[in-house]
Amino acid sequence: MISLIIWIILGFLAGFVAKAVMPGPDSGGFILTTILGIVGAVVGGYIGVLLGFPMASSFDNIGGSLVSFIFSVIGAIAVLAIYRLITGRSLRG
């Protein structure tokens, strides 16, 4: 249960950072950014695990949390880019 909460928090923050890196008018605003961030966090976390990096599973794992956050942001940027390609929006914003 704690892992799920951590991934939701990481996903929210990753979505926020992804939106800052790739600004632009996306329909859905805050809610869409949060959902895309959570999806990106899951995708990025999965890729991190496949590459052998420790992922956040508790609040005690600070090193894993930093790596998890980096992969989450990368995943959120990728998911946002894919979303924009699918909806026909510019990747530049």
PDB file of N, CA and C in Angstrom:
ATOM      1  N   MET A   1       0.827  -1.197   0.000  1.00  0.00           N
ATOM      2  CA  MET A   1       0.000   0.000   0.000  1.00  0.00           C
ATOM      3  C   MET A   1       0.870   1.259   0.000  1.00  0.00           C
ATOM      4  N   ILE A   2       1.955   1.241   0.779  1.00  0.00           N
ATOM      5  CA  ILE A   2       2.861   2.395   0.831  1.00  0.00           C
ATOM      6  C   ILE A   2       3.485   2.612  -0.546  1.00  0.00           C
ATOM      7  N   SER A   3       3.835   1.541  -1.247  1.00  0.00           N
ATOM      8  CA  SER A   3       4.436   1.674  -2.574  1.00  0.00           C
ATOM      9  C   SER A   3       3.498   2.401  -3.526  1.00  0.00           C
ATOM     10  N   LEU A   4       2.224   2.077  -3.484  1.00  0.00           N
ATOM     11  CA  LEU A   4       1.242   2.733  -4.341  1.00  0.00           C
ATOM     12  C   LEU A   4       1.170   4.229  -4.037  1.00  0.00           C
ATOM     13  N   ILE A   5       1.153   4.583  -2.771  1.00  0.00           N
ATOM     14  CA  ILE A   5       1.109   5.992  -2.379  1.00  0.00           C
ATOM     15  C   ILE A   5       2.366   6.715  -2.855  1.00  0.00           C
ATOM     16  N   ILE A   6       3.511   6.080  -2.699  1.00  0.00           N
ATOM     17  CA  ILE A   6       4.770   6.684  -3.155  1.00  0.00           C
ATOM     18  C   ILE A   6       4.730   6.902  -4.659  1.00  0.00           C
ATOM     19  N   TRP A   7       4.246   5.921  -5.419  1.00  0.00           N
ATOM     20  CA  TRP A   7       4.205   6.062  -6.876  1.00  0.00           C
ATOM     21  C   TRP A   7       3.211   7.132  -7.309  1.00  0.00           C
ATOM     22  N   ILE A   8       2.106   7.294  -6.591  1.00  0.00           N
ATOM     23  CA  ILE A   8       1.158   8.364  -6.917  1.00  0.00           C
ATOM     24  C   ILE A   8       1.800   9.723  -6.658  1.00  0.00           C
ATOM     25  N   ILE A   9       2.490   9.858  -5.534  1.00  0.00           N
ATOM     26  CA  ILE A   9       3.172  11.121  -5.228  1.00  0.00           C
ATOM     27  C   ILE A   9       4.272  11.390  -6.255  1.00  0.00           C
ATOM     28  N   LEU A  10       5.090  10.386  -6.548  1.00  0.00           N
ATOM     29  CA  LEU A  10       6.128  10.543  -7.574  1.00  0.00           C
ATOM     30  C   LEU A  10       5.515  10.878  -8.925  1.00  0.00           C
ATOM     31  N   GLY A  11       4.416  10.241  -9.246  1.00  0.00           N
ATOM     32  CA  GLY A  11       3.746  10.498 -10.513  1.00  0.00           C
ATOM     33  C   GLY A  11       3.224  11.919 -10.612  1.00  0.00           C
ATOM     34  N   PHE A  12       2.642  12.409  -9.528  1.00  0.00           N
ATOM     35  CA  PHE A  12       2.161  13.791  -9.521  1.00  0.00           C
ATOM     36  C   PHE A  12       3.322  14.759  -9.740  1.00  0.00           C
ATOM     37  N   LEU A  13       4.400  14.563  -9.003  1.00  0.00           N
ATOM     38  CA  LEU A  13       5.567  15.442  -9.137  1.00  0.00           C
ATOM     39  C   LEU A  13       6.211  15.301 -10.521  1.00  0.00           C
ATOM     40  N   ALA A  14       6.285  14.078 -11.020  1.00  0.00           N
ATOM     41  CA  ALA A  14       6.862  13.853 -12.349  1.00  0.00           C
ATOM     42  C   ALA A  14       6.018  14.523 -13.429  1.00  0.00           C
ATOM     43  N   GLY A  15       4.710  14.452 -13.297  1.00  0.00           N
ATOM     44  CA  GLY A  15       3.826  15.119 -14.247  1.00  0.00           C
ATOM     45  C   GLY A  15       4.007  16.627 -14.220  1.00  0.00           C
ATOM     46  N   PHE A  16       4.184  17.170 -13.036  1.00  0.00           N
ATOM     47  CA  PHE A  16       4.413  18.607 -12.881  1.00  0.00           C
ATOM     48  C   PHE A  16       5.714  19.020 -13.565  1.00  0.00           C
ATOM     49  N   VAL A  17       6.778  18.256 -13.345  1.00  0.00           N
ATOM     50  CA  VAL A  17       8.076  18.555 -13.961  1.00  0.00           C
ATOM     51  C   VAL A  17       7.991  18.371 -15.479  1.00  0.00           C
ATOM     52  N   ALA A  18       7.334  17.307 -15.941  1.00  0.00           N
ATOM     53  CA  ALA A  18       7.199  17.069 -17.376  1.00  0.00           C
ATOM     54  C   ALA A  18       6.460  18.225 -18.045  1.00  0.00           C
ATOM     55  N   LYS A  19       5.428  18.723 -17.392  1.00  0.00           N
ATOM     56  CA  LYS A  19       4.674  19.852 -17.936  1.00  0.00           C
ATOM     57  C   LYS A  19       5.540  21.108 -17.977  1.00  0.00           C
ATOM     58  N   ALA A  20       6.425  21.283 -17.001  1.00  0.00           N
ATOM     59  CA  ALA A  20       7.330  22.441 -16.992  1.00  0.00           C
ATOM     60  C   ALA A  20       8.370  22.326 -18.109  1.00  0.00           C
ATOM     61  N   VAL A  21       8.831  21.098 -18.370  1.00  0.00           N
ATOM     62  CA  VAL A  21       9.824  20.868 -19.426  1.00  0.00           C
ATOM     63  C   VAL A  21       9.176  21.004 -20.801  1.00  0.00           C
ATOM     64  N   MET A  22       7.928  20.571 -20.921  1.00  0.00           N
ATOM     65  CA  MET A  22       7.204  20.603 -22.198  1.00  0.00           C
ATOM     66  C   MET A  22       5.921  21.410 -22.032  1.00  0.00           C
ATOM     67  N   PRO A  23       6.020  22.739 -21.868  1.00  0.00           N
ATOM     68  CA  PRO A  23       4.809  23.536 -21.660  1.00  0.00           C
ATOM     69  C   PRO A  23       3.956  23.577 -22.916  1.00  0.00           C
ATOM     70  N   GLY A  24       2.716  23.868 -22.726  1.00  0.00           N
ATOM     71  CA  GLY A  24       1.812  23.986 -23.854  1.00  0.00           C
ATOM     72  C   GLY A  24       0.385  23.784 -23.407  1.00  0.00           C
ATOM     73  N   PRO A  25      -0.545  24.179 -24.252  1.00  0.00           N
ATOM     74  CA  PRO A  25      -1.961  24.046 -23.900  1.00  0.00           C
ATOM     75  C   PRO A  25      -2.468  22.627 -24.117  1.00  0.00           C
ATOM     76  N   ASP A  26      -2.549  21.861 -23.056  1.00  0.00           N
ATOM     77  CA  ASP A  26      -3.114  20.514 -23.123  1.00  0.00           C
ATOM     78  C   ASP A  26      -4.499  20.550 -22.498  1.00  0.00           C
ATOM     79  N   SER A  27      -5.455  19.922 -23.166  1.00  0.00           N
ATOM     80  CA  SER A  27      -6.789  19.849 -22.572  1.00  0.00           C
ATOM     81  C   SER A  27      -6.723  18.974 -21.327  1.00  0.00           C
ATOM     82  N   GLY A  28      -7.496  19.292 -20.343  1.00  0.00           N
ATOM     83  CA  GLY A  28      -7.507  18.507 -19.118  1.00  0.00           C
ATOM     84  C   GLY A  28      -6.772  19.161 -17.980  1.00  0.00           C
ATOM     85  N   GLY A  29      -5.805  20.016 -18.274  1.00  0.00           N
ATOM     86  CA  GLY A  29      -5.091  20.781 -17.252  1.00  0.00           C
ATOM     87  C   GLY A  29      -4.462  19.940 -16.157  1.00  0.00           C
ATOM     88  N   PHE A  30      -4.764  20.310 -14.929  1.00  0.00           N
ATOM     89  CA  PHE A  30      -4.166  19.698 -13.739  1.00  0.00           C
ATOM     90  C   PHE A  30      -4.453  18.196 -13.664  1.00  0.00           C
ATOM     91  N   ILE A  31      -5.680  17.810 -13.933  1.00  0.00           N
ATOM     92  CA  ILE A  31      -6.061  16.403 -13.819  1.00  0.00           C
ATOM     93  C   ILE A  31      -5.312  15.563 -14.863  1.00  0.00           C
ATOM     94  N   LEU A  32      -5.273  16.046 -16.094  1.00  0.00           N
ATOM     95  CA  LEU A  32      -4.561  15.320 -17.147  1.00  0.00           C
ATOM     96  C   LEU A  32      -3.073  15.219 -16.839  1.00  0.00           C
ATOM     97  N   THR A  33      -2.491  16.321 -16.368  1.00  0.00           N
ATOM     98  CA  THR A  33      -1.069  16.310 -16.015  1.00  0.00           C
ATOM     99  C   THR A  33      -0.791  15.275 -14.931  1.00  0.00           C
ATOM    100  N   THR A  34      -1.667  15.205 -13.937  1.00  0.00           N
ATOM    101  CA  THR A  34      -1.499  14.233 -12.853  1.00  0.00           C
ATOM    102  C   THR A  34      -1.609  12.804 -13.372  1.00  0.00           C
ATOM    103  N   ILE A  35      -2.605  12.547 -14.197  1.00  0.00           N
ATOM    104  CA  ILE A  35      -2.788  11.191 -14.731  1.00  0.00           C
ATOM    105  C   ILE A  35      -1.616  10.789 -15.616  1.00  0.00           C
ATOM    106  N   LEU A  36      -1.206  11.692 -16.516  1.00  0.00           N
ATOM    107  CA  LEU A  36      -0.059  11.389 -17.377  1.00  0.00           C
ATOM    108  C   LEU A  36       1.212  11.196 -16.542  1.00  0.00           C
ATOM    109  N   GLY A  37       1.354  11.976 -15.477  1.00  0.00           N
ATOM    110  CA  GLY A  37       2.512  11.820 -14.592  1.00  0.00           C
ATOM    111  C   GLY A  37       2.530  10.477 -13.897  1.00  0.00           C
ATOM    112  N   ILE A  38       1.373  10.029 -13.433  1.00  0.00           N
ATOM    113  CA  ILE A  38       1.298   8.724 -12.766  1.00  0.00           C
ATOM    114  C   ILE A  38       1.592   7.601 -13.755  1.00  0.00           C
ATOM    115  N   VAL A  39       1.013   7.701 -14.947  1.00  0.00           N
ATOM    116  CA  VAL A  39       1.303   6.699 -15.981  1.00  0.00           C
ATOM    117  C   VAL A  39       2.796   6.722 -16.315  1.00  0.00           C
ATOM    118  N   GLY A  40       3.349   7.924 -16.452  1.00  0.00           N
ATOM    119  CA  GLY A  40       4.780   8.056 -16.727  1.00  0.00           C
ATOM    120  C   GLY A  40       5.639   7.498 -15.612  1.00  0.00           C
ATOM    121  N   ALA A  41       5.209   7.693 -14.368  1.00  0.00           N
ATOM    122  CA  ALA A  41       5.950   7.152 -13.231  1.00  0.00           C
ATOM    123  C   ALA A  41       5.967   5.631 -13.266  1.00  0.00           C
ATOM    124  N   VAL A  42       4.840   5.053 -13.611  1.00  0.00           N
ATOM    125  CA  VAL A  42       4.772   3.591 -13.697  1.00  0.00           C
ATOM    126  C   VAL A  42       5.660   3.095 -14.840  1.00  0.00           C
ATOM    127  N   VAL A  43       5.557   3.745 -16.004  1.00  0.00           N
ATOM    128  CA  VAL A  43       6.376   3.348 -17.153  1.00  0.00           C
ATOM    129  C   VAL A  43       7.859   3.521 -16.831  1.00  0.00           C
ATOM    130  N   GLY A  44       8.216   4.693 -16.309  1.00  0.00           N
ATOM    131  CA  GLY A  44       9.620   4.947 -15.963  1.00  0.00           C
ATOM    132  C   GLY A  44      10.127   4.006 -14.882  1.00  0.00           C
ATOM    133  N   GLY A  45       9.288   3.744 -13.887  1.00  0.00           N
ATOM    134  CA  GLY A  45       9.678   2.813 -12.826  1.00  0.00           C
ATOM    135  C   GLY A  45       9.897   1.408 -13.344  1.00  0.00           C
ATOM    136  N   TYR A  46       9.033   0.984 -14.240  1.00  0.00           N
ATOM    137  CA  TYR A  46       9.172  -0.348 -14.829  1.00  0.00           C
ATOM    138  C   TYR A  46      10.471  -0.448 -15.626  1.00  0.00           C
ATOM    139  N   ILE A  47      10.763   0.579 -16.406  1.00  0.00           N
ATOM    140  CA  ILE A  47      12.013   0.589 -17.176  1.00  0.00           C
ATOM    141  C   ILE A  47      13.214   0.573 -16.239  1.00  0.00           C
ATOM    142  N   GLY A  48      13.147   1.349 -15.153  1.00  0.00           N
ATOM    143  CA  GLY A  48      14.230   1.364 -14.166  1.00  0.00           C
ATOM    144  C   GLY A  48      14.474  -0.002 -13.553  1.00  0.00           C
ATOM    145  N   VAL A  49      13.388  -0.693 -13.223  1.00  0.00           N
ATOM    146  CA  VAL A  49      13.512  -2.042 -12.654  1.00  0.00           C
ATOM    147  C   VAL A  49      14.140  -2.981 -13.679  1.00  0.00           C
ATOM    148  N   LEU A  50      13.711  -2.875 -14.947  1.00  0.00           N
ATOM    149  CA  LEU A  50      14.290  -3.729 -15.993  1.00  0.00           C
ATOM    150  C   LEU A  50      15.785  -3.476 -16.162  1.00  0.00           C
ATOM    151  N   LEU A  51      16.204  -2.225 -15.923  1.00  0.00           N
ATOM    152  CA  LEU A  51      17.618  -1.883 -16.035  1.00  0.00           C
ATOM    153  C   LEU A  51      18.408  -2.174 -14.751  1.00  0.00           C
ATOM    154  N   GLY A  52      17.720  -2.648 -13.717  1.00  0.00           N
ATOM    155  CA  GLY A  52      18.391  -3.058 -12.492  1.00  0.00           C
ATOM    156  C   GLY A  52      18.570  -1.968 -11.447  1.00  0.00           C
ATOM    157  N   PHE A  53      17.856  -0.858 -11.572  1.00  0.00           N
ATOM    158  CA  PHE A  53      17.970   0.211 -10.576  1.00  0.00           C
ATOM    159  C   PHE A  53      16.981  -0.021  -9.439  1.00  0.00           C
ATOM    160  N   PRO A  54      17.373   0.372  -8.217  1.00  0.00           N
ATOM    161  CA  PRO A  54      16.442   0.222  -7.095  1.00  0.00           C
ATOM    162  C   PRO A  54      15.326   1.242  -7.201  1.00  0.00           C
ATOM    163  N   MET A  55      14.107   0.813  -7.003  1.00  0.00           N
ATOM    164  CA  MET A  55      12.968   1.708  -7.078  1.00  0.00           C
ATOM    165  C   MET A  55      12.401   1.946  -5.681  1.00  0.00           C
ATOM    166  N   ALA A  56      11.750   3.067  -5.517  1.00  0.00           N
ATOM    167  CA  ALA A  56      11.181   3.436  -4.228  1.00  0.00           C
ATOM    168  C   ALA A  56      10.072   2.466  -3.849  1.00  0.00           C
ATOM    169  N   SER A  57      10.174   1.928  -2.650  1.00  0.00           N
ATOM    170  CA  SER A  57       9.121   1.066  -2.145  1.00  0.00           C
ATOM    171  C   SER A  57       8.755   1.425  -0.712  1.00  0.00           C
ATOM    172  N   SER A  58       9.521   2.338  -0.129  1.00  0.00           N
ATOM    173  CA  SER A  58       9.214   2.824   1.214  1.00  0.00           C
ATOM    174  C   SER A  58       9.842   4.196   1.378  1.00  0.00           C
ATOM    175  N   PHE A  59       9.458   4.886   2.429  1.00  0.00           N
ATOM    176  CA  PHE A  59      10.010   6.204   2.679  1.00  0.00           C
ATOM    177  C   PHE A  59      11.451   6.137   3.201  1.00  0.00           C
ATOM    178  N   ASP A  60      11.931   4.947   3.528  1.00  0.00           N
ATOM    179  CA  ASP A  60      13.297   4.777   4.032  1.00  0.00           C
ATOM    180  C   ASP A  60      14.319   4.678   2.907  1.00  0.00           C
ATOM    181  N   ASN A  61      13.872   4.425   1.688  1.00  0.00           N
ATOM    182  CA  ASN A  61      14.752   4.176   0.555  1.00  0.00           C
ATOM    183  C   ASN A  61      14.988   5.468  -0.230  1.00  0.00           C
ATOM    184  N   ILE A  62      15.781   6.387   0.318  1.00  0.00           N
ATOM    185  CA  ILE A  62      15.991   7.699  -0.300  1.00  0.00           C
ATOM    186  C   ILE A  62      16.727   7.568  -1.628  1.00  0.00           C
ATOM    187  N   GLY A  63      17.758   6.754  -1.707  1.00  0.00           N
ATOM    188  CA  GLY A  63      18.495   6.566  -2.956  1.00  0.00           C
ATOM    189  C   GLY A  63      17.586   6.031  -4.050  1.00  0.00           C
ATOM    190  N   GLY A  64      16.783   5.040  -3.718  1.00  0.00           N
ATOM    191  CA  GLY A  64      15.827   4.494  -4.670  1.00  0.00           C
ATOM    192  C   GLY A  64      14.795   5.528  -5.065  1.00  0.00           C
ATOM    193  N   SER A  65      14.438   6.406  -4.134  1.00  0.00           N
ATOM    194  CA  SER A  65      13.458   7.441  -4.433  1.00  0.00           C
ATOM    195  C   SER A  65      13.997   8.435  -5.448  1.00  0.00           C
ATOM    196  N   LEU A  66      15.263   8.804  -5.335  1.00  0.00           N
ATOM    197  CA  LEU A  66      15.855   9.741  -6.285  1.00  0.00           C
ATOM    198  C   LEU A  66      15.916   9.116  -7.674  1.00  0.00           C
ATOM    199  N   VAL A  67      16.379   7.892  -7.759  1.00  0.00           N
ATOM    200  CA  VAL A  67      16.435   7.191  -9.038  1.00  0.00           C
ATOM    201  C   VAL A  67      15.013   7.014  -9.580  1.00  0.00           C
ATOM    202  N   SER A  68      14.086   6.660  -8.715  1.00  0.00           N
ATOM    203  CA  SER A  68      12.694   6.500  -9.124  1.00  0.00           C
ATOM    204  C   SER A  68      12.142   7.794  -9.684  1.00  0.00           C
ATOM    205  N   PHE A  69      12.458   8.905  -9.028  1.00  0.00           N
ATOM    206  CA  PHE A  69      11.954  10.196  -9.488  1.00  0.00           C
ATOM    207  C   PHE A  69      12.511  10.543 -10.861  1.00  0.00           C
ATOM    208  N   ILE A  70      13.787  10.306 -11.059  1.00  0.00           N
ATOM    209  CA  ILE A  70      14.401  10.593 -12.370  1.00  0.00           C
ATOM    210  C   ILE A  70      13.736   9.760 -13.460  1.00  0.00           C
ATOM    211  N   PHE A  71      13.567   8.463 -13.216  1.00  0.00           N
ATOM    212  CA  PHE A  71      12.908   7.609 -14.200  1.00  0.00           C
ATOM    213  C   PHE A  71      11.442   8.003 -14.377  1.00  0.00           C
ATOM    214  N   SER A  72      10.793   8.441 -13.306  1.00  0.00           N
ATOM    215  CA  SER A  72       9.406   8.882 -13.393  1.00  0.00           C
ATOM    216  C   SER A  72       9.266  10.110 -14.279  1.00  0.00           C
ATOM    217  N   VAL A  73      10.181  11.059 -14.133  1.00  0.00           N
ATOM    218  CA  VAL A  73      10.139  12.271 -14.962  1.00  0.00           C
ATOM    219  C   VAL A  73      10.372  11.911 -16.426  1.00  0.00           C
ATOM    220  N   ILE A  74      11.349  11.056 -16.683  1.00  0.00           N
ATOM    221  CA  ILE A  74      11.614  10.625 -18.064  1.00  0.00           C
ATOM    222  C   ILE A  74      10.379   9.929 -18.635  1.00  0.00           C
ATOM    223  N   GLY A  75       9.779   9.057 -17.843  1.00  0.00           N
ATOM    224  CA  GLY A  75       8.567   8.364 -18.284  1.00  0.00           C
ATOM    225  C   GLY A  75       7.415   9.328 -18.526  1.00  0.00           C
ATOM    226  N   ALA A  76       7.247  10.327 -17.648  1.00  0.00           N
ATOM    227  CA  ALA A  76       6.165  11.302 -17.804  1.00  0.00           C
ATOM    228  C   ALA A  76       6.368  12.160 -19.048  1.00  0.00           C
ATOM    229  N   ILE A  77       7.603  12.540 -19.336  1.00  0.00           N
ATOM    230  CA  ILE A  77       7.892  13.308 -20.554  1.00  0.00           C
ATOM    231  C   ILE A  77       7.557  12.462 -21.782  1.00  0.00           C
ATOM    232  N   ALA A  78       7.943  11.193 -21.750  1.00  0.00           N
ATOM    233  CA  ALA A  78       7.653  10.297 -22.875  1.00  0.00           C
ATOM    234  C   ALA A  78       6.145  10.123 -23.057  1.00  0.00           C
ATOM    235  N   VAL A  79       5.426   9.924 -21.967  1.00  0.00           N
ATOM    236  CA  VAL A  79       3.978   9.743 -22.048  1.00  0.00           C
ATOM    237  C   VAL A  79       3.313  11.027 -22.549  1.00  0.00           C
ATOM    238  N   LEU A  80       3.766  12.193 -22.077  1.00  0.00           N
ATOM    239  CA  LEU A  80       3.217  13.465 -22.544  1.00  0.00           C
ATOM    240  C   LEU A  80       3.486  13.658 -24.036  1.00  0.00           C
ATOM    241  N   ALA A  81       4.683  13.305 -24.487  1.00  0.00           N
ATOM    242  CA  ALA A  81       5.016  13.414 -25.913  1.00  0.00           C
ATOM    243  C   ALA A  81       4.123  12.489 -26.742  1.00  0.00           C
ATOM    244  N   ILE A  82       3.919  11.270 -26.279  1.00  0.00           N
ATOM    245  CA  ILE A  82       3.048  10.324 -26.992  1.00  0.00           C
ATOM    246  C   ILE A  82       1.617  10.841 -27.013  1.00  0.00           C
ATOM    247  N   TYR A  83       1.151  11.383 -25.888  1.00  0.00           N
ATOM    248  CA  TYR A  83      -0.193  11.960 -25.826  1.00  0.00           C
ATOM    249  C   TYR A  83      -0.352  13.078 -26.853  1.00  0.00           C
ATOM    250  N   ARG A  84       0.647  13.943 -26.934  1.00  0.00           N
ATOM    251  CA  ARG A  84       0.573  15.053 -27.887  1.00  0.00           C
ATOM    252  C   ARG A  84       0.624  14.563 -29.335  1.00  0.00           C
ATOM    253  N   LEU A  85       1.393  13.517 -29.589  1.00  0.00           N
ATOM    254  CA  LEU A  85       1.418  12.951 -30.945  1.00  0.00           C
ATOM    255  C   LEU A  85       0.056  12.363 -31.318  1.00  0.00           C
ATOM    256  N   ILE A  86      -0.557  11.666 -30.382  1.00  0.00           N
ATOM    257  CA  ILE A  86      -1.852  11.041 -30.632  1.00  0.00           C
ATOM    258  C   ILE A  86      -2.949  12.099 -30.828  1.00  0.00           C
ATOM    259  N   THR A  87      -2.909  13.155 -30.027  1.00  0.00           N
ATOM    260  CA  THR A  87      -3.959  14.186 -30.120  1.00  0.00           C
ATOM    261  C   THR A  87      -3.648  15.233 -31.166  1.00  0.00           C
ATOM    262  N   GLY A  88      -2.475  15.160 -31.798  1.00  0.00           N
ATOM    263  CA  GLY A  88      -2.134  16.093 -32.863  1.00  0.00           C
ATOM    264  C   GLY A  88      -1.611  17.433 -32.389  1.00  0.00           C
ATOM    265  N   ARG A  89      -1.240  17.526 -31.128  1.00  0.00           N
ATOM    266  CA  ARG A  89      -0.677  18.771 -30.610  1.00  0.00           C
ATOM    267  C   ARG A  89       0.815  18.811 -30.874  1.00  0.00           C
ATOM    268  N   SER A  90       1.359  20.000 -30.926  1.00  0.00           N
ATOM    269  CA  SER A  90       2.790  20.184 -31.155  1.00  0.00           C
ATOM    270  C   SER A  90       3.573  19.708 -29.951  1.00  0.00           C
ATOM    271  N   LEU A  91       4.715  19.071 -30.169  1.00  0.00           N
ATOM    272  CA  LEU A  91       5.562  18.647 -29.061  1.00  0.00           C
ATOM    273  C   LEU A  91       6.221  19.839 -28.388  1.00  0.00           C
ATOM    274  N   ARG A  92       6.328  20.946 -29.064  1.00  0.00           N
ATOM    275  CA  ARG A  92       6.952  22.143 -28.498  1.00  0.00           C
ATOM    276  C   ARG A  92       5.984  22.973 -27.689  1.00  0.00           C
ATOM    277  N   GLY A  93       4.704  22.715 -27.778  1.00  0.00           N
ATOM    278  CA  GLY A  93       3.734  23.481 -27.003  1.00  0.00           C
ATOM    279  C   GLY A  93       3.002  24.456 -27.773  1.00  0.00           C
TER     280      GLY A  93
END
